Amino acid sequence: MKILISLCLLMFAIGAAVAQTNFKPAHESSPATIEIQNLEQKLDNLTYYPATRNGKLRIQRAHYYLKSSKKLHQSNWQQQALDHAKRGLNLVDLHLSSVQQTVPRAAL
């Protein structure tokens, strides 16, 4: 009986060790993670012009969506995190397109 219990515990320990080495969290390579990283990178590289009220509000809202998508992602709400990250990216893209339209050609 002791041998059977020892054998079961040994098999359990080996199975747990194998499961740990093969375990890869789903959210490391999920689409939400990629979108969050893209949004974070765009916001870090962004120089916004506080003179325009709409631009300032867009960037503030994009920061809100970044923070929100990170919270949702940590809570395993992948679809909502992806949605918020995409919304933030859309706002940054809209801001960049409006800045390009307002910058005079001589400044480029």
PDB file of N, CA and C in Angstrom:
ATOM      1  N   MET A   1       0.820  -1.197   0.000  1.00  0.00           N
ATOM      2  CA  MET A   1       0.000   0.000   0.000  1.00  0.00           C
ATOM      3  C   MET A   1       0.866   1.264   0.000  1.00  0.00           C
ATOM      4  N   LYS A   2       1.960   1.229   0.802  1.00  0.00           N
ATOM      5  CA  LYS A   2       2.865   2.380   0.869  1.00  0.00           C
ATOM      6  C   LYS A   2       3.536   2.607  -0.481  1.00  0.00           C
ATOM      7  N   ILE A   3       3.837   1.531  -1.162  1.00  0.00           N
ATOM      8  CA  ILE A   3       4.477   1.645  -2.474  1.00  0.00           C
ATOM      9  C   ILE A   3       3.516   2.274  -3.468  1.00  0.00           C
ATOM     10  N   LEU A   4       2.259   1.897  -3.426  1.00  0.00           N
ATOM     11  CA  LEU A   4       1.251   2.454  -4.330  1.00  0.00           C
ATOM     12  C   LEU A   4       1.075   3.952  -4.086  1.00  0.00           C
ATOM     13  N   ILE A   5       1.014   4.360  -2.834  1.00  0.00           N
ATOM     14  CA  ILE A   5       0.873   5.776  -2.498  1.00  0.00           C
ATOM     15  C   ILE A   5       2.114   6.543  -2.948  1.00  0.00           C
ATOM     16  N   SER A   6       3.303   5.971  -2.710  1.00  0.00           N
ATOM     17  CA  SER A   6       4.550   6.619  -3.139  1.00  0.00           C
ATOM     18  C   SER A   6       4.603   6.759  -4.647  1.00  0.00           C
ATOM     19  N   LEU A   7       4.175   5.721  -5.331  1.00  0.00           N
ATOM     20  CA  LEU A   7       4.168   5.753  -6.787  1.00  0.00           C
ATOM     21  C   LEU A   7       3.200   6.819  -7.309  1.00  0.00           C
ATOM     22  N   CYS A   8       2.030   6.928  -6.696  1.00  0.00           N
ATOM     23  CA  CYS A   8       1.045   7.946  -7.100  1.00  0.00           C
ATOM     24  C   CYS A   8       1.589   9.355  -6.871  1.00  0.00           C
ATOM     25  N   LEU A   9       2.217   9.577  -5.721  1.00  0.00           N
ATOM     26  CA  LEU A   9       2.788  10.895  -5.439  1.00  0.00           C
ATOM     27  C   LEU A   9       3.917  11.230  -6.411  1.00  0.00           C
ATOM     28  N   LEU A  10       4.722  10.239  -6.742  1.00  0.00           N
ATOM     29  CA  LEU A  10       5.801  10.454  -7.698  1.00  0.00           C
ATOM     30  C   LEU A  10       5.247  10.810  -9.075  1.00  0.00           C
ATOM     31  N   MET A  11       4.219  10.103  -9.514  1.00  0.00           N
ATOM     32  CA  MET A  11       3.603  10.393 -10.814  1.00  0.00           C
ATOM     33  C   MET A  11       2.968  11.784 -10.821  1.00  0.00           C
ATOM     34  N   PHE A  12       2.344  12.145  -9.705  1.00  0.00           N
ATOM     35  CA  PHE A  12       1.731  13.465  -9.600  1.00  0.00           C
ATOM     36  C   PHE A  12       2.793  14.559  -9.694  1.00  0.00           C
ATOM     37  N   ALA A  13       3.920  14.364  -9.003  1.00  0.00           N
ATOM     38  CA  ALA A  13       4.996  15.355  -9.022  1.00  0.00           C
ATOM     39  C   ALA A  13       5.592  15.493 -10.421  1.00  0.00           C
ATOM     40  N   ILE A  14       5.781  14.381 -11.106  1.00  0.00           N
ATOM     41  CA  ILE A  14       6.332  14.420 -12.461  1.00  0.00           C
ATOM     42  C   ILE A  14       5.345  15.103 -13.407  1.00  0.00           C
ATOM     43  N   GLY A  15       4.070  14.775 -13.276  1.00  0.00           N
ATOM     44  CA  GLY A  15       3.044  15.399 -14.116  1.00  0.00           C
ATOM     45  C   GLY A  15       2.959  16.899 -13.889  1.00  0.00           C
ATOM     46  N   ALA A  16       3.066  17.322 -12.639  1.00  0.00           N
ATOM     47  CA  ALA A  16       3.016  18.751 -12.327  1.00  0.00           C
ATOM     48  C   ALA A  16       4.233  19.473 -12.900  1.00  0.00           C
ATOM     49  N   ALA A  17       5.392  18.837 -12.829  1.00  0.00           N
ATOM     50  CA  ALA A  17       6.609  19.456 -13.367  1.00  0.00           C
ATOM     51  C   ALA A  17       6.524  19.600 -14.878  1.00  0.00           C
ATOM     52  N   VAL A  18       6.002  18.590 -15.543  1.00  0.00           N
ATOM     53  CA  VAL A  18       5.858  18.650 -17.003  1.00  0.00           C
ATOM     54  C   VAL A  18       4.830  19.708 -17.388  1.00  0.00           C
ATOM     55  N   ALA A  19       3.747  19.780 -16.650  1.00  0.00           N
ATOM     56  CA  ALA A  19       2.705  20.764 -16.950  1.00  0.00           C
ATOM     57  C   ALA A  19       3.227  22.185 -16.761  1.00  0.00           C
ATOM     58  N   GLN A  20       4.081  22.395 -15.767  1.00  0.00           N
ATOM     59  CA  GLN A  20       4.623  23.732 -15.539  1.00  0.00           C
ATOM     60  C   GLN A  20       5.567  24.158 -16.637  1.00  0.00           C
ATOM     61  N   THR A  21       6.367  23.245 -17.146  1.00  0.00           N
ATOM     62  CA  THR A  21       7.314  23.624 -18.195  1.00  0.00           C
ATOM     63  C   THR A  21       6.616  23.896 -19.513  1.00  0.00           C
ATOM     64  N   ASN A  22       5.483  23.248 -19.770  1.00  0.00           N
ATOM     65  CA  ASN A  22       4.760  23.443 -21.021  1.00  0.00           C
ATOM     66  C   ASN A  22       3.712  24.540 -20.931  1.00  0.00           C
ATOM     67  N   PHE A  23       3.483  25.059 -19.742  1.00  0.00           N
ATOM     68  CA  PHE A  23       2.437  26.065 -19.561  1.00  0.00           C
ATOM     69  C   PHE A  23       2.891  27.397 -20.118  1.00  0.00           C
ATOM     70  N   LYS A  24       2.060  27.966 -20.976  1.00  0.00           N
ATOM     71  CA  LYS A  24       2.309  29.293 -21.532  1.00  0.00           C
ATOM     72  C   LYS A  24       1.013  30.081 -21.399  1.00  0.00           C
ATOM     73  N   PRO A  25       1.028  31.167 -20.636  1.00  0.00           N
ATOM     74  CA  PRO A  25      -0.205  31.930 -20.472  1.00  0.00           C
ATOM     75  C   PRO A  25      -0.753  32.383 -21.821  1.00  0.00           C
ATOM     76  N   ALA A  26      -2.053  32.325 -21.950  1.00  0.00           N
ATOM     77  CA  ALA A  26      -2.707  32.653 -23.216  1.00  0.00           C
ATOM     78  C   ALA A  26      -2.560  34.128 -23.568  1.00  0.00           C
ATOM     79  N   HIS A  27      -2.463  34.989 -22.571  1.00  0.00           N
ATOM     80  CA  HIS A  27      -2.462  36.412 -22.856  1.00  0.00           C
ATOM     81  C   HIS A  27      -1.097  36.959 -23.252  1.00  0.00           C
ATOM     82  N   GLU A  28      -0.045  36.144 -23.291  1.00  0.00           N
ATOM     83  CA  GLU A  28       1.252  36.656 -23.720  1.00  0.00           C
ATOM     84  C   GLU A  28       1.294  36.924 -25.224  1.00  0.00           C
ATOM     85  N   SER A  29       0.590  36.104 -25.991  1.00  0.00           N
ATOM     86  CA  SER A  29       0.649  36.263 -27.447  1.00  0.00           C
ATOM     87  C   SER A  29      -0.731  36.525 -28.039  1.00  0.00           C
ATOM     88  N   SER A  30      -1.646  36.980 -27.221  1.00  0.00           N
ATOM     89  CA  SER A  30      -2.995  37.219 -27.718  1.00  0.00           C
ATOM     90  C   SER A  30      -3.034  38.487 -28.559  1.00  0.00           C
ATOM     91  N   PRO A  31      -4.046  38.616 -29.406  1.00  0.00           N
ATOM     92  CA  PRO A  31      -4.181  39.843 -30.208  1.00  0.00           C
ATOM     93  C   PRO A  31      -4.319  41.090 -29.338  1.00  0.00           C
ATOM     94  N   ALA A  32      -4.942  40.941 -28.164  1.00  0.00           N
ATOM     95  CA  ALA A  32      -5.096  42.091 -27.278  1.00  0.00           C
ATOM     96  C   ALA A  32      -3.734  42.594 -26.807  1.00  0.00           C
ATOM     97  N   THR A  33      -2.820  41.671 -26.508  1.00  0.00           N
ATOM     98  CA  THR A  33      -1.488  42.061 -26.066  1.00  0.00           C
ATOM     99  C   THR A  33      -0.764  42.841 -27.155  1.00  0.00           C
ATOM    100  N   ILE A  34      -0.876  42.370 -28.376  1.00  0.00           N
ATOM    101  CA  ILE A  34      -0.210  43.032 -29.505  1.00  0.00           C
ATOM    102  C   ILE A  34      -0.776  44.426 -29.714  1.00  0.00           C
ATOM    103  N   GLU A  35      -2.098  44.549 -29.660  1.00  0.00           N
ATOM    104  CA  GLU A  35      -2.732  45.861 -29.857  1.00  0.00           C
ATOM    105  C   GLU A  35      -2.377  46.821 -28.718  1.00  0.00           C
ATOM    106  N   ILE A  36      -2.328  46.302 -27.493  1.00  0.00           N
ATOM    107  CA  ILE A  36      -1.966  47.151 -26.355  1.00  0.00           C
ATOM    108  C   ILE A  36      -0.543  47.658 -26.519  1.00  0.00           C
ATOM    109  N   GLN A  37       0.356  46.782 -26.944  1.00  0.00           N
ATOM    110  CA  GLN A  37       1.743  47.195 -27.162  1.00  0.00           C
ATOM    111  C   GLN A  37       1.843  48.224 -28.284  1.00  0.00           C
ATOM    112  N   ASN A  38       1.067  48.035 -29.346  1.00  0.00           N
ATOM    113  CA  ASN A  38       1.061  49.016 -30.446  1.00  0.00           C
ATOM    114  C   ASN A  38       0.573  50.374 -29.965  1.00  0.00           C
ATOM    115  N   LEU A  39      -0.505  50.364 -29.193  1.00  0.00           N
ATOM    116  CA  LEU A  39      -1.063  51.619 -28.677  1.00  0.00           C
ATOM    117  C   LEU A  39      -0.068  52.298 -27.753  1.00  0.00           C
ATOM    118  N   GLU A  40       0.556  51.532 -26.885  1.00  0.00           N
ATOM    119  CA  GLU A  40       1.526  52.104 -25.953  1.00  0.00           C
ATOM    120  C   GLU A  40       2.716  52.709 -26.701  1.00  0.00           C
ATOM    121  N   GLN A  41       3.166  52.023 -27.735  1.00  0.00           N
ATOM    122  CA  GLN A  41       4.294  52.518 -28.527  1.00  0.00           C
ATOM    123  C   GLN A  41       3.917  53.800 -29.265  1.00  0.00           C
ATOM    124  N   LYS A  42       2.723  53.835 -29.850  1.00  0.00           N
ATOM    125  CA  LYS A  42       2.298  55.046 -30.568  1.00  0.00           C
ATOM    126  C   LYS A  42       2.145  56.231 -29.624  1.00  0.00           C
ATOM    127  N   LEU A  43       1.607  55.981 -28.430  1.00  0.00           N
ATOM    128  CA  LEU A  43       1.438  57.072 -27.476  1.00  0.00           C
ATOM    129  C   LEU A  43       2.785  57.562 -26.956  1.00  0.00           C
ATOM    130  N   ASP A  44       3.745  56.654 -26.803  1.00  0.00           N
ATOM    131  CA  ASP A  44       5.075  57.071 -26.353  1.00  0.00           C
ATOM    132  C   ASP A  44       5.778  57.914 -27.406  1.00  0.00           C
ATOM    133  N   ASN A  45       5.586  57.590 -28.679  1.00  0.00           N
ATOM    134  CA  ASN A  45       6.251  58.312 -29.761  1.00  0.00           C
ATOM    135  C   ASN A  45       5.501  59.564 -30.196  1.00  0.00           C
ATOM    136  N   LEU A  46       4.351  59.806 -29.630  1.00  0.00           N
ATOM    137  CA  LEU A  46       3.478  60.880 -30.073  1.00  0.00           C
ATOM    138  C   LEU A  46       3.885  62.212 -29.458  1.00  0.00           C
ATOM    139  N   THR A  47       3.931  63.213 -30.286  1.00  0.00           N
ATOM    140  CA  THR A  47       4.063  64.582 -29.792  1.00  0.00           C
ATOM    141  C   THR A  47       2.766  65.280 -30.157  1.00  0.00           C
ATOM    142  N   TYR A  48       1.986  65.603 -29.163  1.00  0.00           N
ATOM    143  CA  TYR A  48       0.700  66.231 -29.449  1.00  0.00           C
ATOM    144  C   TYR A  48       0.771  67.716 -29.144  1.00  0.00           C
ATOM    145  N   TYR A  49      -0.091  68.421 -29.808  1.00  0.00           N
ATOM    146  CA  TYR A  49      -0.102  69.864 -29.702  1.00  0.00           C
ATOM    147  C   TYR A  49      -1.243  70.285 -28.777  1.00  0.00           C
ATOM    148  N   PRO A  50      -0.900  70.736 -27.565  1.00  0.00           N
ATOM    149  CA  PRO A  50      -1.959  71.100 -26.625  1.00  0.00           C
ATOM    150  C   PRO A  50      -2.728  72.348 -27.028  1.00  0.00           C
ATOM    151  N   ALA A  51      -2.277  73.026 -28.063  1.00  0.00           N
ATOM    152  CA  ALA A  51      -2.981  74.229 -28.503  1.00  0.00           C
ATOM    153  C   ALA A  51      -4.350  73.865 -29.075  1.00  0.00           C
ATOM    154  N   THR A  52      -4.464  72.688 -29.671  1.00  0.00           N
ATOM    155  CA  THR A  52      -5.756  72.282 -30.213  1.00  0.00           C
ATOM    156  C   THR A  52      -6.514  71.481 -29.158  1.00  0.00           C
ATOM    157  N   ARG A  53      -7.685  71.934 -28.850  1.00  0.00           N
ATOM    158  CA  ARG A  53      -8.492  71.307 -27.812  1.00  0.00           C
ATOM    159  C   ARG A  53      -8.871  69.883 -28.190  1.00  0.00           C
ATOM    160  N   ASN A  54      -9.272  69.677 -29.441  1.00  0.00           N
ATOM    161  CA  ASN A  54      -9.678  68.341 -29.872  1.00  0.00           C
ATOM    162  C   ASN A  54      -8.522  67.347 -29.811  1.00  0.00           C
ATOM    163  N   GLY A  55      -7.345  67.796 -30.205  1.00  0.00           N
ATOM    164  CA  GLY A  55      -6.178  66.926 -30.142  1.00  0.00           C
ATOM    165  C   GLY A  55      -5.855  66.512 -28.718  1.00  0.00           C
ATOM    166  N   LYS A  56      -5.936  67.469 -27.811  1.00  0.00           N
ATOM    167  CA  LYS A  56      -5.663  67.175 -26.405  1.00  0.00           C
ATOM    168  C   LYS A  56      -6.669  66.174 -25.851  1.00  0.00           C
ATOM    169  N   LEU A  57      -7.939  66.370 -26.179  1.00  0.00           N
ATOM    170  CA  LEU A  57      -8.974  65.459 -25.696  1.00  0.00           C
ATOM    171  C   LEU A  57      -8.816  64.056 -26.291  1.00  0.00           C
ATOM    172  N   ARG A  58      -8.435  63.996 -27.571  1.00  0.00           N
ATOM    173  CA  ARG A  58      -8.229  62.690 -28.200  1.00  0.00           C
ATOM    174  C   ARG A  58      -7.116  61.922 -27.515  1.00  0.00           C
ATOM    175  N   ILE A  59      -6.028  62.601 -27.218  1.00  0.00           N
ATOM    176  CA  ILE A  59      -4.890  61.943 -26.591  1.00  0.00           C
ATOM    177  C   ILE A  59      -5.233  61.528 -25.163  1.00  0.00           C
ATOM    178  N   GLN A  60      -5.953  62.362 -24.446  1.00  0.00           N
ATOM    179  CA  GLN A  60      -6.378  61.980 -23.093  1.00  0.00           C
ATOM    180  C   GLN A  60      -7.269  60.743 -23.137  1.00  0.00           C
ATOM    181  N   ARG A  61      -8.164  60.697 -24.099  1.00  0.00           N
ATOM    182  CA  ARG A  61      -9.055  59.553 -24.231  1.00  0.00           C
ATOM    183  C   ARG A  61      -8.270  58.300 -24.640  1.00  0.00           C
ATOM    184  N   ALA A  62      -7.268  58.468 -25.492  1.00  0.00           N
ATOM    185  CA  ALA A  62      -6.433  57.321 -25.887  1.00  0.00           C
ATOM    186  C   ALA A  62      -5.670  56.773 -24.680  1.00  0.00           C
ATOM    187  N   HIS A  63      -5.172  57.670 -23.811  1.00  0.00           N
ATOM    188  CA  HIS A  63      -4.510  57.214 -22.584  1.00  0.00           C
ATOM    189  C   HIS A  63      -5.485  56.467 -21.682  1.00  0.00           C
ATOM    190  N   TYR A  64      -6.720  56.962 -21.613  1.00  0.00           N
ATOM    191  CA  TYR A  64      -7.747  56.268 -20.831  1.00  0.00           C
ATOM    192  C   TYR A  64      -7.984  54.865 -21.392  1.00  0.00           C
ATOM    193  N   TYR A  65      -8.103  54.747 -22.708  1.00  0.00           N
ATOM    194  CA  TYR A  65      -8.330  53.436 -23.317  1.00  0.00           C
ATOM    195  C   TYR A  65      -7.143  52.511 -23.100  1.00  0.00           C
ATOM    196  N   LEU A  66      -5.934  53.042 -23.088  1.00  0.00           N
ATOM    197  CA  LEU A  66      -4.754  52.223 -22.820  1.00  0.00           C
ATOM    198  C   LEU A  66      -4.821  51.661 -21.405  1.00  0.00           C
ATOM    199  N   LYS A  67      -5.095  52.533 -20.448  1.00  0.00           N
ATOM    200  CA  LYS A  67      -5.175  52.101 -19.056  1.00  0.00           C
ATOM    201  C   LYS A  67      -6.305  51.087 -18.870  1.00  0.00           C
ATOM    202  N   SER A  68      -7.431  51.355 -19.497  1.00  0.00           N
ATOM    203  CA  SER A  68      -8.582  50.464 -19.390  1.00  0.00           C
ATOM    204  C   SER A  68      -8.305  49.104 -20.026  1.00  0.00           C
ATOM    205  N   SER A  69      -7.656  49.117 -21.184  1.00  0.00           N
ATOM    206  CA  SER A  69      -7.374  47.843 -21.859  1.00  0.00           C
ATOM    207  C   SER A  69      -6.370  47.014 -21.064  1.00  0.00           C
ATOM    208  N   LYS A  70      -5.428  47.658 -20.397  1.00  0.00           N
ATOM    209  CA  LYS A  70      -4.494  46.915 -19.550  1.00  0.00           C
ATOM    210  C   LYS A  70      -5.214  46.258 -18.377  1.00  0.00           C
ATOM    211  N   LYS A  71      -6.140  47.000 -17.751  1.00  0.00           N
ATOM    212  CA  LYS A  71      -6.905  46.430 -16.638  1.00  0.00           C
ATOM    213  C   LYS A  71      -7.759  45.253 -17.104  1.00  0.00           C
ATOM    214  N   LEU A  72      -8.430  45.428 -18.219  1.00  0.00           N
ATOM    215  CA  LEU A  72      -9.268  44.359 -18.745  1.00  0.00           C
ATOM    216  C   LEU A  72      -8.438  43.139 -19.132  1.00  0.00           C
ATOM    217  N   HIS A  73      -7.269  43.384 -19.680  1.00  0.00           N
ATOM    218  CA  HIS A  73      -6.384  42.292 -20.086  1.00  0.00           C
ATOM    219  C   HIS A  73      -5.897  41.499 -18.871  1.00  0.00           C
ATOM    220  N   GLN A  74      -5.577  42.199 -17.802  1.00  0.00           N
ATOM    221  CA  GLN A  74      -5.145  41.520 -16.584  1.00  0.00           C
ATOM    222  C   GLN A  74      -6.277  40.728 -15.949  1.00  0.00           C
ATOM    223  N   SER A  75      -7.503  41.142 -16.189  1.00  0.00           N
ATOM    224  CA  SER A  75      -8.668  40.434 -15.649  1.00  0.00           C
ATOM    225  C   SER A  75      -9.157  39.325 -16.573  1.00  0.00           C
ATOM    226  N   ASN A  76      -8.405  39.059 -17.639  1.00  0.00           N
ATOM    227  CA  ASN A  76      -8.748  38.030 -18.638  1.00  0.00           C
ATOM    228  C   ASN A  76     -10.017  38.334 -19.414  1.00  0.00           C
ATOM    229  N   TRP A  77     -10.301  39.581 -19.627  1.00  0.00           N
ATOM    230  CA  TRP A  77     -11.397  40.000 -20.497  1.00  0.00           C
ATOM    231  C   TRP A  77     -10.764  40.393 -21.829  1.00  0.00           C
ATOM    232  N   GLN A  78     -10.362  39.394 -22.587  1.00  0.00           N
ATOM    233  CA  GLN A  78      -9.543  39.621 -23.775  1.00  0.00           C
ATOM    234  C   GLN A  78     -10.273  40.416 -24.858  1.00  0.00           C
ATOM    235  N   GLN A  79     -11.531  40.088 -25.112  1.00  0.00           N
ATOM    236  CA  GLN A  79     -12.252  40.765 -26.192  1.00  0.00           C
ATOM    237  C   GLN A  79     -12.463  42.244 -25.877  1.00  0.00           C
ATOM    238  N   GLN A  80     -12.819  42.547 -24.637  1.00  0.00           N
ATOM    239  CA  GLN A  80     -13.008  43.946 -24.255  1.00  0.00           C
ATOM    240  C   GLN A  80     -11.686  44.701 -24.263  1.00  0.00           C
ATOM    241  N   ALA A  81     -10.599  44.035 -23.840  1.00  0.00           N
ATOM    242  CA  ALA A  81      -9.286  44.669 -23.869  1.00  0.00           C
ATOM    243  C   ALA A  81      -8.881  44.982 -25.306  1.00  0.00           C
ATOM    244  N   LEU A  82      -9.134  44.052 -26.202  1.00  0.00           N
ATOM    245  CA  LEU A  82      -8.828  44.270 -27.615  1.00  0.00           C
ATOM    246  C   LEU A  82      -9.649  45.428 -28.173  1.00  0.00           C
ATOM    247  N   ASP A  83     -10.915  45.490 -27.809  1.00  0.00           N
ATOM    248  CA  ASP A  83     -11.796  46.562 -28.276  1.00  0.00           C
ATOM    249  C   ASP A  83     -11.293  47.927 -27.798  1.00  0.00           C
ATOM    250  N   HIS A  84     -10.919  48.039 -26.530  1.00  0.00           N
ATOM    251  CA  HIS A  84     -10.446  49.315 -26.003  1.00  0.00           C
ATOM    252  C   HIS A  84      -9.112  49.705 -26.624  1.00  0.00           C
ATOM    253  N   ALA A  85      -8.241  48.733 -26.852  1.00  0.00           N
ATOM    254  CA  ALA A  85      -6.961  49.044 -27.485  1.00  0.00           C
ATOM    255  C   ALA A  85      -7.172  49.546 -28.913  1.00  0.00           C
ATOM    256  N   LYS A  86      -8.102  48.932 -29.636  1.00  0.00           N
ATOM    257  CA  LYS A  86      -8.389  49.383 -31.003  1.00  0.00           C
ATOM    258  C   LYS A  86      -8.992  50.784 -31.010  1.00  0.00           C
ATOM    259  N   ARG A  87      -9.845  51.071 -30.047  1.00  0.00           N
ATOM    260  CA  ARG A  87     -10.420  52.414 -29.954  1.00  0.00           C
ATOM    261  C   ARG A  87      -9.332  53.453 -29.713  1.00  0.00           C
ATOM    262  N   GLY A  88      -8.392  53.129 -28.817  1.00  0.00           N
ATOM    263  CA  GLY A  88      -7.281  54.037 -28.557  1.00  0.00           C
ATOM    264  C   GLY A  88      -6.421  54.244 -29.791  1.00  0.00           C
ATOM    265  N   LEU A  89      -6.153  53.162 -30.517  1.00  0.00           N
ATOM    266  CA  LEU A  89      -5.365  53.278 -31.754  1.00  0.00           C
ATOM    267  C   LEU A  89      -6.084  54.131 -32.794  1.00  0.00           C
ATOM    268  N   ASN A  90      -7.384  53.967 -32.900  1.00  0.00           N
ATOM    269  CA  ASN A  90      -8.159  54.783 -33.840  1.00  0.00           C
ATOM    270  C   ASN A  90      -8.080  56.268 -33.484  1.00  0.00           C
ATOM    271  N   LEU A  91      -8.131  56.570 -32.188  1.00  0.00           N
ATOM    272  CA  LEU A  91      -8.032  57.968 -31.766  1.00  0.00           C
ATOM    273  C   LEU A  91      -6.652  58.552 -32.078  1.00  0.00           C
ATOM    274  N   VAL A  92      -5.608  57.760 -31.853  1.00  0.00           N
ATOM    275  CA  VAL A  92      -4.253  58.237 -32.153  1.00  0.00           C
ATOM    276  C   VAL A  92      -4.097  58.449 -33.654  1.00  0.00           C
ATOM    277  N   ASP A  93      -4.599  57.519 -34.452  1.00  0.00           N
ATOM    278  CA  ASP A  93      -4.520  57.667 -35.908  1.00  0.00           C
ATOM    279  C   ASP A  93      -5.290  58.889 -36.388  1.00  0.00           C
ATOM    280  N   LEU A  94      -6.465  59.114 -35.815  1.00  0.00           N
ATOM    281  CA  LEU A  94      -7.248  60.295 -36.171  1.00  0.00           C
ATOM    282  C   LEU A  94      -6.495  61.573 -35.813  1.00  0.00           C
ATOM    283  N   HIS A  95      -5.877  61.573 -34.647  1.00  0.00           N
ATOM    284  CA  HIS A  95      -5.110  62.748 -34.231  1.00  0.00           C
ATOM    285  C   HIS A  95      -3.932  62.989 -35.174  1.00  0.00           C
ATOM    286  N   LEU A  96      -3.227  61.916 -35.527  1.00  0.00           N
ATOM    287  CA  LEU A  96      -2.076  62.071 -36.425  1.00  0.00           C
ATOM    288  C   LEU A  96      -2.502  62.578 -37.799  1.00  0.00           C
ATOM    289  N   SER A  97      -3.641  62.100 -38.286  1.00  0.00           N
ATOM    290  CA  SER A  97      -4.097  62.577 -39.598  1.00  0.00           C
ATOM    291  C   SER A  97      -4.525  64.043 -39.532  1.00  0.00           C
ATOM    292  N   SER A  98      -5.142  64.461 -38.438  1.00  0.00           N
ATOM    293  CA  SER A  98      -5.555  65.859 -38.332  1.00  0.00           C
ATOM    294  C   SER A  98      -4.347  66.773 -38.139  1.00  0.00           C
ATOM    295  N   VAL A  99      -3.302  66.302 -37.466  1.00  0.00           N
ATOM    296  CA  VAL A  99      -2.090  67.101 -37.294  1.00  0.00           C
ATOM    297  C   VAL A  99      -1.387  67.264 -38.630  1.00  0.00           C
ATOM    298  N   GLN A 100      -1.358  66.204 -39.434  1.00  0.00           N
ATOM    299  CA  GLN A 100      -0.721  66.288 -40.744  1.00  0.00           C
ATOM    300  C   GLN A 100      -1.450  67.253 -41.662  1.00  0.00           C
ATOM    301  N   GLN A 101      -2.758  67.353 -41.505  1.00  0.00           N
ATOM    302  CA  GLN A 101      -3.525  68.272 -42.342  1.00  0.00           C
ATOM    303  C   GLN A 101      -3.305  69.717 -41.941  1.00  0.00           C
ATOM    304  N   THR A 102      -3.056  69.957 -40.643  1.00  0.00           N
ATOM    305  CA  THR A 102      -2.931  71.333 -40.177  1.00  0.00           C
ATOM    306  C   THR A 102      -1.510  71.859 -40.269  1.00  0.00           C
ATOM    307  N   VAL A 103      -0.517  70.971 -40.381  1.00  0.00           N
ATOM    308  CA  VAL A 103       0.865  71.427 -40.491  1.00  0.00           C
ATOM    309  C   VAL A 103       1.076  71.990 -41.891  1.00  0.00           C
ATOM    310  N   PRO A 104       1.587  73.223 -41.998  1.00  0.00           N
ATOM    311  CA  PRO A 104       1.800  73.806 -43.334  1.00  0.00           C
ATOM    312  C   PRO A 104       2.876  73.036 -44.107  1.00  0.00           C
ATOM    313  N   ARG A 105       2.776  73.073 -45.406  1.00  0.00           N
ATOM    314  CA  ARG A 105       3.717  72.350 -46.272  1.00  0.00           C
ATOM    315  C   ARG A 105       5.155  72.864 -46.095  1.00  0.00           C
ATOM    316  N   ALA A 106       5.319  74.139 -45.793  1.00  0.00           N
ATOM    317  CA  ALA A 106       6.666  74.694 -45.637  1.00  0.00           C
ATOM    318  C   ALA A 106       7.368  74.116 -44.409  1.00  0.00           C
ATOM    319  N   ALA A 107       6.583  73.722 -43.392  1.00  0.00           N
ATOM    320  CA  ALA A 107       7.169  73.169 -42.169  1.00  0.00           C
ATOM    321  C   ALA A 107       7.646  71.736 -42.401  1.00  0.00           C
ATOM    322  N   LEU A 108       7.096  71.059 -43.382  1.00  0.00           N
ATOM    323  CA  LEU A 108       7.513  69.690 -43.645  1.00  0.00           C
ATOM    324  C   LEU A 108       8.820  69.711 -44.385  1.00  0.00           C
TER     325      LEU A 108
END
